[in-house]
Amino acid sequence: MKGTSLGEFEELCLLAVGILQEDAYGVSVKEEVEKFSSRKSTLSTIHSTLIRLEKKGFLESRMGGATESRGGRTKRLFEITLLGKKAINEARQLRENMWQHMPQILWEGGQS
C-alpha cells in the first residue's frame, strides 16, 4: 500500500526507537542513528522523520514530563506501533531474502 514503505533513513530511525524503547526522543534517536550508521544528521532531520513515521502509523508519541535539566521543557517520546513492527520486520525479511540471492562472488569482493 502506498505511503507505508520505509526509506533507508526512516528504517534507521525506526530501529533506533526500538533500541531505545521508553527513552526514544529526538536527541537520543539522533545519537543512536549516528552511533550505528556513522552518519551525521541534524536534529530537524530526525524530528521530521519521526513525525513522518508517526503520520504513516509506524510510531506514536506522547509528551514526557518536564525536567529541570531541560529548563522545564517536555520532550516528545516515541514508541513503535504494531504497524511499525510489521513494517520493520518486512524490511528485514526483504533485505535477507535479497541477500540470499546475491551471487557470492559479488559480496566477497570478487569480479563478476
Protein backbone atom coordinates (compact mmCIF):
# COMPACT_ATOMS: atom_id res chain seq x y z
CA MET A 1 0.00 0.00 0.00
CA LYS A 2 1.22 3.45 -0.92
CA GLY A 3 2.92 5.51 1.77
CA THR A 4 3.77 2.63 4.04
CA SER A 5 7.18 1.62 2.70
CA LEU A 6 10.32 2.54 4.61
CA GLY A 7 13.17 4.60 3.24
CA GLU A 8 16.68 3.85 4.47
CA PHE A 9 16.81 6.76 6.93
CA GLU A 10 13.28 6.01 8.14
CA GLU A 11 14.36 2.45 8.81
CA LEU A 12 17.36 3.65 10.81
CA CYS A 13 15.16 5.95 12.91
CA LEU A 14 12.58 3.23 13.48
CA LEU A 15 15.30 0.82 14.58
CA ALA A 16 16.73 3.46 16.93
CA VAL A 17 13.31 3.95 18.53
CA GLY A 18 13.10 0.19 19.03
CA ILE A 19 16.54 0.07 20.61
CA LEU A 20 15.82 2.98 22.94
CA GLN A 21 12.34 1.79 23.94
CA GLU A 22 10.90 4.17 26.55
CA ASP A 23 13.77 6.67 26.15
CA ALA A 24 13.24 7.39 22.44
CA TYR A 25 13.09 11.13 21.77
CA GLY A 26 14.72 13.36 19.17
CA VAL A 27 18.20 13.72 20.68
CA SER A 28 18.51 10.09 21.77
CA VAL A 29 17.32 8.83 18.36
CA LYS A 30 19.87 11.11 16.66
CA GLU A 31 22.65 9.71 18.87
CA GLU A 32 21.67 6.08 18.13
CA VAL A 33 21.45 6.66 14.37
CA GLU A 34 24.87 8.32 14.37
CA LYS A 35 26.40 5.64 16.61
CA PHE A 36 25.29 2.70 14.47
CA SER A 37 25.44 4.23 11.00
CA SER A 38 28.35 6.65 11.37
CA ARG A 39 26.14 9.17 9.55
CA LYS A 40 25.82 12.71 10.84
CA SER A 41 22.30 14.09 10.88
CA THR A 42 20.60 17.20 12.13
CA LEU A 43 18.02 17.22 14.86
CA SER A 44 15.50 18.75 12.47
CA THR A 45 16.02 15.85 10.03
CA ILE A 46 15.45 13.37 12.86
CA HIS A 47 12.33 15.20 14.04
CA SER A 48 10.79 15.42 10.57
CA THR A 49 11.50 11.72 10.01
CA LEU A 50 9.93 10.75 13.34
CA ILE A 51 6.85 12.85 12.57
CA ARG A 52 6.59 11.29 9.09
CA LEU A 53 6.81 7.81 10.64
CA GLU A 54 4.09 8.80 13.09
CA LYS A 55 1.87 10.02 10.23
CA LYS A 56 2.40 6.67 8.48
CA GLY A 57 1.22 4.95 11.67
CA PHE A 58 4.60 3.33 12.46
CA LEU A 59 5.18 5.39 15.62
CA GLU A 60 3.08 7.03 18.25
CA SER A 61 4.23 9.76 20.59
CA ARG A 62 3.42 11.25 23.95
CA MET A 63 4.81 14.14 25.90
CA GLY A 64 7.19 13.24 28.72
CA GLY A 65 7.43 15.16 31.95
CA ALA A 66 9.31 18.44 32.18
CA THR A 67 12.71 18.34 33.88
CA GLU A 68 14.97 20.97 35.38
CA SER A 69 17.87 19.78 33.26
CA ARG A 70 15.81 20.68 30.16
CA GLY A 71 14.86 24.09 31.52
CA GLY A 72 11.34 22.92 32.34
CA ARG A 73 10.66 21.77 28.78
CA THR A 74 8.99 18.46 27.99
CA LYS A 75 10.23 16.01 25.40
CA ARG A 76 8.22 14.05 22.87
CA LEU A 77 8.74 10.33 23.47
CA PHE A 78 8.20 7.89 20.60
CA GLU A 79 7.14 4.25 20.59
CA ILE A 80 6.82 1.72 17.76
CA THR A 81 3.24 0.69 16.93
CA LEU A 82 2.15 -2.77 15.77
CA LEU A 83 2.10 -1.42 12.20
CA GLY A 84 5.65 -0.14 12.71
CA LYS A 85 6.79 -3.53 13.98
CA LYS A 86 5.24 -5.14 10.93
CA ALA A 87 6.95 -2.66 8.60
CA ILE A 88 10.38 -3.12 10.16
CA ASN A 89 10.05 -6.91 10.04
CA GLU A 90 9.00 -6.78 6.38
CA ALA A 91 12.01 -4.56 5.58
CA ARG A 92 14.32 -7.03 7.32
CA GLN A 93 12.80 -10.03 5.53
CA LEU A 94 13.09 -8.27 2.18
CA ARG A 95 16.79 -7.49 2.73
CA GLU A 96 17.55 -11.01 3.99
CA ASN A 97 15.75 -12.57 1.03
CA MET A 98 17.64 -10.42 -1.46
CA TRP A 99 20.99 -11.18 0.23
CA GLN A 100 20.27 -14.91 -0.07
CA HIS A 101 20.01 -14.43 -3.84
CA MET A 102 23.15 -12.33 -4.20
CA PRO A 103 25.84 -14.22 -6.13
CA GLN A 104 28.59 -15.00 -3.62
CA ILE A 105 31.33 -13.64 -5.86
CA LEU A 106 29.78 -10.14 -5.72
CA TRP A 107 29.68 -9.74 -1.97
CA GLU A 108 33.06 -11.35 -1.41
CA GLY A 109 34.71 -8.56 -3.36
CA GLY A 110 35.42 -10.67 -6.44
CA GLN A 111 34.85 -9.67 -10.02
CA SER A 112 31.82 -10.76 -11.98
